[in-house]
Every structure is written in structure tokens, then in C-alpha cells.
Amino acid sequence: MLTPIGDVIELRTARSSATVATLAAALTSLEVDGRELTERTPSTRLPGHGNGIVLAPWPNRVRDARWTHRGEVQQLDITDPSRGNAIHGLLRNTAYRVLERADDAVALGARIHPQHGWPFLLETWVRYALAEDGLTVTHGVRNLGAEPAPWAVGAHPYFRVGEVPVEQLTLEVRAEGYLELDERLVPVAVREVEPGGEFDLSAPRELGGLDLNVGYQDVVTGPEGAAVLTAPDGARVVVWQDEPFRWLQVFTPRDFPHVDAEGAEAPALAVALEPMTAAPDALNSGEGLVWLEPDQDWEASWGVRYEEGE
């Protein structure tokens, strides 16, 4: 059936399930033991606030939608008009094609062609693989062009722990620094996390008291996890990241279109934990940007794990 988010692919194991849309390769739901771990996107509407979409070939923003390559100014389309920036890459409105499919995994691919401000040709892919306790997401790319091409990638999932109101969850982020942003949400400096300060999430803090749209740098990589959401009963959602995913954007909008179990929609607090391989505005700063030689491949993963409370 044709939907606004393309084909919706169902994945399942004995304990877990997920759905993935072909539009923007978006993760539209994830459950373990019947407990929802992400905000859901119904097939009848586009992902609210970028819910679950893939961000490629850059995550977050490019200041003025402009950067310089080999001495020439590259003008991208302005896709963040209220702030005059380009946001979240070039695949947000692209239908991916299915490359591989199994009961518990799917791989989707999309090509990025030369276009305004982007003179490169890339083949990209993302693979969602369910485990009994969560999900592994692997992003990949190959440079199909004749010259080196820049690359960065991110994802935009919003997490929860079942039906517990997000306000009651606590959030811990394990990172050494954060990016100070200007009024256009573009980095101007890297700061150390000040103990007890506004951006210090080294100890769990209740989400109801937070108002964040900030990028953390040098997050903990590996299975221990970069971020942990914990419910009052002790159940936890752990977001882990491979070494190339050194950044994590935390966004806590209060107007997210939450859909409850009966399908009713209402604005609510939500929390996006966005793994990123580069900093915002990386096309200008170079922070985390990878330059791929012709025919060069690249892959890295992040994932989410559910842990029962004691």
C-alpha cells in the first residue's frame, strides 16, 4: 500500500520487533518485550521532528547552507529557512530501495547525486538488525565519483521506555565536552562539561526539568553506551556508538506529536538522542568529516539495548 513514508517493513524476533520506512530509511518503531523504546511514526504521516530518519551526507546544520571546496563556494539549498541553514543532509525526502531483507533485518540503499552545493556521487546504505534485546544500525557509503568526497552521517531517533511519561525518565550522557551554539544553532566553540552545570548529564537527570538542543563531543564509545534513559522501575534504554560516532545530539522538544497505543496524537515532551559521526557544520569546520577516495567504502554502527529493571 502506498503511504506518505513509502513501504513499511516489519522486523521481528521472539522478543523484539521494529518497523522501518523506505522514506529516509526511517526507524518508525522499536519494541522489546512489548515495551516501546522509540516514538512511533504512523504510516499515515511524515516523521514528526525528523523522527527516526537517516542524516546523510551530513547531520545537523550547515551555516548559511554554504561551504567551500577547492576554493569555490558551494551553495546548498536552504532547508532550515527560519535560521537560513541547510539541515540533516540530502536524503530526507528520498525513497530508499531494499537491498536485502530477512525476518529480523533489512538493508536499504540510496544514491546521492551531484546537486546544488554538492558535486559528488555517493552510494549509501543502512542496515537495521534486530537482536532479542535491541537493535544494531550500520551505516555505509562508497564514493562512486572520480575525486575525494566528504562524508558524515547521523540518525534522529526519539527514545522512550514503554508508556512511562518522558518527563519521568532520567537521562545520562557520558561525554567530555559539548558544543556551544549561537542563536542559529550552529557551533561557535567547544566547552568542557561543567560539573553541575546546565549541560552536565554525567549523573542521571529527570527529563521533565531539561530543555536541551545541544551536541555532545567525545562521547563514550563501545557497549557501555553513550546515553542511558532510565524509568522509575529501573528499566533502561542504552544507546551505544562505534568509535566513529563521537558526537551525540540531545534534543528535547515539548511539541513532539506523540502517538499513544490507541493511535491518538497529542503534543508532548520527547527526547531525541542522535548519534553523529561529525559535529554540526562539519562541512565548514571539518570536525569529524571523512574524505573518501574514489571507490573507497566506509561503515560504522550504533545501536540500542533494553535492560530490565531490578
Protein backbone atom coordinates (compact mmCIF):
# COMPACT_ATOMS: atom_id res chain seq x y z
CA MET A 1 0.00 0.00 0.00
CA LEU A 2 1.28 3.46 -0.93
CA THR A 3 1.85 5.61 2.18
CA PRO A 4 3.45 9.03 2.83
CA ILE A 5 6.50 7.25 4.23
CA GLY A 6 6.79 4.68 1.43
CA ASP A 7 6.87 0.97 2.12
CA VAL A 8 6.84 -0.01 5.79
CA ILE A 9 8.97 -3.08 6.55
CA GLU A 10 8.30 -5.18 9.65
CA LEU A 11 11.13 -6.92 11.51
CA ARG A 12 10.67 -9.44 14.29
CA THR A 13 12.41 -11.80 16.72
CA ALA A 14 10.93 -13.78 19.58
CA ARG A 15 11.22 -10.80 21.97
CA SER A 16 11.60 -7.73 19.76
CA SER A 17 10.01 -6.01 16.78
CA ALA A 18 10.62 -2.93 14.65
CA THR A 19 9.30 -1.15 11.59
CA VAL A 20 11.38 0.72 9.02
CA ALA A 21 10.05 3.02 6.29
CA THR A 22 11.70 3.36 2.90
CA LEU A 23 11.33 7.17 3.04
CA ALA A 24 14.60 8.46 4.53
CA ALA A 25 15.21 4.87 5.77
CA ALA A 26 13.37 5.95 8.91
CA LEU A 27 13.09 3.78 12.01
CA THR A 28 9.37 4.13 12.75
CA SER A 29 9.03 1.85 15.79
CA LEU A 30 11.04 -0.42 18.08
CA GLU A 31 9.79 -2.69 20.87
CA VAL A 32 11.36 -5.22 23.22
CA ASP A 33 9.17 -7.47 25.37
CA GLY A 34 6.18 -5.39 24.30
CA ARG A 35 7.72 -2.18 25.62
CA GLU A 36 8.12 0.66 23.13
CA LEU A 37 11.68 2.00 23.00
CA THR A 38 11.12 4.70 20.35
CA GLU A 39 8.40 7.14 19.43
CA ARG A 40 6.23 5.71 16.66
CA THR A 41 5.57 7.23 13.25
CA PRO A 42 2.20 6.13 11.80
CA SER A 43 2.24 5.19 8.13
CA THR A 44 -0.33 7.93 7.51
CA ARG A 45 2.00 10.85 8.19
CA LEU A 46 5.57 12.08 7.69
CA PRO A 47 8.07 11.65 10.56
CA GLY A 48 7.42 14.42 13.09
CA HIS A 49 10.53 16.43 14.02
CA GLY A 50 12.60 14.12 11.77
CA ASN A 51 11.71 11.09 13.87
CA GLY A 52 13.98 8.15 13.03
CA ILE A 53 15.36 9.46 9.73
CA VAL A 54 18.90 8.96 8.40
CA LEU A 55 21.03 12.12 8.18
CA ALA A 56 23.47 11.89 5.25
CA PRO A 57 25.90 13.05 3.92
CA TRP A 58 25.98 15.30 6.97
CA PRO A 59 23.97 15.51 10.21
CA ASN A 60 22.63 18.68 11.79
CA ARG A 61 23.23 22.10 10.18
CA VAL A 62 25.48 23.83 7.64
CA ARG A 63 25.73 27.54 8.38
CA ASP A 64 24.12 29.67 5.64
CA ALA A 65 23.79 26.44 3.61
CA ARG A 66 27.24 27.34 2.29
CA TRP A 67 30.72 25.83 2.40
CA THR A 68 33.92 25.99 0.34
CA HIS A 69 35.52 23.20 -1.69
CA ARG A 70 38.81 23.73 -3.52
CA GLY A 71 38.44 27.47 -3.27
CA GLU A 72 34.91 27.55 -4.68
CA VAL A 73 31.85 28.43 -2.62
CA GLN A 74 29.28 25.63 -2.65
CA GLN A 75 25.69 26.83 -2.13
CA LEU A 76 23.36 24.14 -0.80
CA ASP A 77 19.60 24.51 -0.78
CA ILE A 78 18.31 26.24 2.37
CA THR A 79 16.25 23.59 4.16
CA ASP A 80 16.19 25.28 7.59
CA PRO A 81 14.55 28.52 6.41
CA SER A 82 13.87 30.02 9.84
CA ARG A 83 17.63 30.08 10.50
CA GLY A 84 18.95 30.21 6.93
CA ASN A 85 20.84 26.92 7.12
CA ALA A 86 20.91 23.54 5.38
CA ILE A 87 19.84 20.78 7.73
CA HIS A 88 20.22 17.00 8.03
CA GLY A 89 21.75 16.16 4.67
CA LEU A 90 20.27 15.35 1.27
CA LEU A 91 18.18 12.20 1.77
CA ARG A 92 15.33 13.39 3.98
CA ASN A 93 12.84 13.21 1.11
CA THR A 94 14.41 10.25 -0.71
CA ALA A 95 12.85 6.81 -1.07
CA TYR A 96 15.46 4.14 -0.35
CA ARG A 97 15.40 0.80 -2.15
CA VAL A 98 15.51 -2.55 -0.37
CA LEU A 99 18.88 -4.27 -0.83
CA GLU A 100 18.47 -7.26 1.50
CA ARG A 101 15.69 -8.50 3.72
CA ALA A 102 15.22 -11.15 6.39
CA ASP A 103 12.74 -11.68 9.21
CA ASP A 104 14.96 -9.80 11.65
CA ALA A 105 16.97 -7.45 9.40
CA VAL A 106 16.74 -5.18 6.38
CA ALA A 107 19.32 -3.24 4.35
CA LEU A 108 18.26 -0.14 2.41
CA GLY A 109 20.23 1.87 -0.13
CA ALA A 110 20.08 5.32 -1.70
CA ARG A 111 22.35 7.20 -4.10
CA ILE A 112 23.35 10.83 -3.53
CA HIS A 113 23.78 12.53 -6.89
CA PRO A 114 25.59 15.81 -7.64
CA GLN A 115 23.27 18.76 -6.94
CA HIS A 116 23.24 22.31 -5.62
CA GLY A 117 26.33 22.73 -3.44
CA TRP A 118 27.23 19.04 -3.65
CA PRO A 119 29.44 18.00 -6.62
CA PHE A 120 29.85 14.34 -5.56
CA LEU A 121 28.34 10.92 -6.26
CA LEU A 122 27.90 8.55 -3.31
CA GLU A 123 26.21 5.18 -2.84
CA THR A 124 24.86 4.92 0.71
CA TRP A 125 23.22 2.17 2.72
CA VAL A 126 21.87 1.43 6.18
CA ARG A 127 21.19 -1.95 7.77
CA TYR A 128 18.79 -2.47 10.67
CA ALA A 129 19.39 -5.75 12.52
CA LEU A 130 17.19 -6.78 15.45
CA ALA A 131 18.52 -8.62 18.48
CA GLU A 132 16.36 -10.07 21.24
CA ASP A 133 17.21 -7.07 23.45
CA GLY A 134 17.50 -4.27 20.91
CA LEU A 135 18.78 -3.11 17.54
CA THR A 136 22.04 -2.52 15.68
CA VAL A 137 22.11 0.13 12.93
CA THR A 138 25.01 0.05 10.47
CA HIS A 139 25.60 2.94 8.07
CA GLY A 140 27.77 2.63 4.98
CA VAL A 141 28.91 4.53 1.92
CA ARG A 142 31.00 4.16 -1.22
CA ASN A 143 32.42 7.03 -3.24
CA LEU A 144 31.35 6.44 -6.86
CA GLY A 145 32.96 9.65 -8.11
CA ALA A 146 36.35 10.39 -9.61
CA GLU A 147 37.60 12.66 -6.79
CA PRO A 148 37.66 12.53 -2.98
CA ALA A 149 34.28 13.24 -1.39
CA PRO A 150 33.34 14.34 2.14
CA TRP A 151 31.13 12.16 4.32
CA ALA A 152 29.39 12.21 7.67
CA VAL A 153 26.24 10.51 8.88
CA GLY A 154 23.81 10.55 11.75
CA ALA A 155 20.39 9.32 12.83
CA HIS A 156 17.43 11.04 14.50
CA PRO A 157 15.58 8.56 16.77
CA TYR A 158 13.39 9.65 19.67
CA PHE A 159 13.50 7.24 22.60
CA ARG A 160 11.19 6.28 25.44
CA VAL A 161 10.81 3.44 27.95
CA GLY A 162 7.38 1.99 27.34
CA GLU A 163 4.40 4.12 28.33
CA VAL A 164 6.25 5.91 31.13
CA PRO A 165 5.81 9.67 30.54
CA VAL A 166 9.07 11.06 29.19
CA GLU A 167 9.05 13.69 31.96
CA GLN A 168 9.59 10.90 34.49
CA LEU A 169 12.61 9.36 32.75
CA THR A 170 16.15 10.25 33.72
CA LEU A 171 18.88 10.84 31.15
CA GLU A 172 22.61 10.26 31.49
CA VAL A 173 25.07 11.26 28.74
CA ARG A 174 28.70 10.21 29.02
CA ALA A 175 30.76 12.85 27.21
CA GLU A 176 33.80 15.05 27.78
CA GLY A 177 32.53 18.21 26.12
CA TYR A 178 29.65 19.99 24.45
CA LEU A 179 29.25 22.43 21.59
CA GLU A 180 28.29 25.99 22.43
CA LEU A 181 25.72 27.13 19.86
CA ASP A 182 24.68 30.55 18.61
CA GLU A 183 21.08 31.71 18.07
CA ARG A 184 21.05 29.82 14.73
CA LEU A 185 22.03 26.54 16.47
CA VAL A 186 25.44 26.45 14.80
CA PRO A 187 28.58 25.75 16.93
CA VAL A 188 30.82 28.63 17.93
CA ALA A 189 33.03 26.83 20.48
CA VAL A 190 33.71 23.53 22.23
CA ARG A 191 33.35 23.66 26.01
CA GLU A 192 34.14 21.22 28.79
CA VAL A 193 31.08 19.99 30.62
CA GLU A 194 30.99 21.99 33.86
CA PRO A 195 30.14 19.76 36.83
CA GLY A 196 26.64 20.62 37.99
CA GLY A 197 26.13 22.99 35.07
CA GLU A 198 23.25 23.27 32.62
CA PHE A 199 24.71 20.70 30.21
CA ASP A 200 26.10 18.26 32.76
CA LEU A 201 24.36 14.91 32.31
CA SER A 202 27.17 12.81 33.80
CA ALA A 203 24.73 11.86 36.57
CA PRO A 204 21.12 11.00 35.66
CA ARG A 205 18.76 13.98 35.49
CA GLU A 206 14.99 13.95 35.13
CA LEU A 207 13.90 14.96 31.63
CA GLY A 208 10.95 16.99 32.87
CA GLY A 209 13.42 19.63 34.07
CA LEU A 210 15.56 19.77 30.93
CA ASP A 211 15.30 21.94 27.82
CA LEU A 212 18.13 20.93 25.51
CA ASN A 213 19.23 21.16 21.90
CA VAL A 214 22.94 20.54 22.27
CA GLY A 215 25.67 18.43 20.71
CA TYR A 216 27.97 16.43 22.99
CA GLN A 217 31.51 15.69 21.83
CA ASP A 218 33.86 12.80 22.64
CA VAL A 219 31.06 10.62 23.96
CA VAL A 220 31.82 7.21 25.41
CA THR A 221 32.01 4.68 22.58
CA GLY A 222 31.54 0.95 22.86
CA PRO A 223 28.96 -1.30 24.55
CA GLU A 224 28.85 0.66 27.83
CA GLY A 225 26.81 3.26 25.99
CA ALA A 226 26.94 6.96 25.30
CA ALA A 227 23.50 7.68 26.77
CA VAL A 228 21.12 5.94 29.17
CA LEU A 229 17.40 6.56 29.69
CA THR A 230 16.04 5.09 32.93
CA ALA A 231 12.44 4.63 34.04
CA PRO A 232 11.29 4.80 37.68
CA ASP A 233 11.12 0.98 37.81
CA GLY A 234 14.81 0.75 36.82
CA ALA A 235 14.26 -0.37 33.22
CA ARG A 236 16.85 1.23 30.93
CA VAL A 237 17.39 2.07 27.28
CA VAL A 238 21.10 2.24 26.47
CA VAL A 239 22.31 3.95 23.28
CA TRP A 240 25.78 2.75 22.25
CA GLN A 241 28.01 4.03 19.45
CA ASP A 242 31.02 2.78 17.48
CA GLU A 243 34.21 4.84 17.69
CA PRO A 244 33.47 6.98 14.59
CA PHE A 245 30.24 8.15 16.27
CA ARG A 246 31.99 10.62 18.59
CA TRP A 247 29.08 13.07 18.77
CA LEU A 248 25.57 12.84 20.20
CA GLN A 249 22.89 15.49 19.74
CA VAL A 250 20.32 15.72 22.55
CA PHE A 251 17.05 17.46 21.65
CA THR A 252 14.05 17.73 23.98
CA PRO A 253 11.12 19.35 22.12
CA ARG A 254 7.87 19.80 24.04
CA ASP A 255 5.70 19.80 20.93
CA PHE A 256 6.55 16.35 19.61
CA PRO A 257 3.47 14.64 18.01
CA HIS A 258 3.32 11.66 20.37
CA VAL A 259 1.03 8.81 19.27
CA ASP A 260 -0.40 6.68 22.06
CA ALA A 261 -1.34 2.98 21.97
CA GLU A 262 -4.83 3.82 20.67
CA GLY A 263 -3.43 5.93 17.83
CA ALA A 264 -4.41 9.30 19.31
CA GLU A 265 -1.90 12.09 18.71
CA ALA A 266 -1.06 15.00 21.02
CA PRO A 267 1.95 17.29 21.57
CA ALA A 268 4.27 16.05 24.30
CA LEU A 269 7.83 16.17 25.58
CA ALA A 270 10.16 13.85 23.67
CA VAL A 271 13.88 13.16 23.69
CA ALA A 272 15.99 12.67 20.56
CA LEU A 273 19.37 11.04 21.06
CA GLU A 274 21.09 11.48 17.71
CA PRO A 275 24.34 9.53 17.08
CA MET A 276 26.58 11.52 14.70
CA THR A 277 30.00 10.90 13.14
CA ALA A 278 30.68 14.62 12.81
CA ALA A 279 29.90 17.86 14.56
CA PRO A 280 27.23 20.27 13.34
CA ASP A 281 28.57 22.45 10.49
CA ALA A 282 31.26 19.86 9.77
CA LEU A 283 31.44 20.83 6.08
CA ASN A 284 32.92 24.13 7.27
CA SER A 285 34.82 23.09 10.40
CA GLY A 286 35.98 19.65 9.22
CA GLU A 287 35.25 18.25 12.73
CA GLY A 288 34.66 14.53 12.18
CA LEU A 289 34.38 14.81 8.41
CA VAL A 290 35.76 11.80 6.49
CA TRP A 291 37.18 12.23 2.98
CA LEU A 292 36.60 9.14 0.87
CA GLU A 293 38.87 8.32 -2.05
CA PRO A 294 37.25 7.09 -5.29
CA ASP A 295 35.80 3.57 -4.78
CA GLN A 296 36.51 3.74 -1.04
CA ASP A 297 33.99 2.16 1.35
CA TRP A 298 33.18 3.15 4.93
CA GLU A 299 30.95 1.55 7.61
CA ALA A 300 30.16 2.14 11.28
CA SER A 301 27.37 1.25 13.70
CA TRP A 302 25.36 2.45 16.64
CA GLY A 303 22.59 0.70 18.47
CA VAL A 304 20.12 0.49 21.32
CA ARG A 305 19.80 -2.09 24.09
CA TYR A 306 16.94 -2.63 26.54
CA GLU A 307 17.72 -3.71 30.10
CA GLU A 308 15.08 -4.82 32.60
CA GLY A 309 14.84 -3.14 35.98
CA GLU A 310 15.85 -5.00 39.08
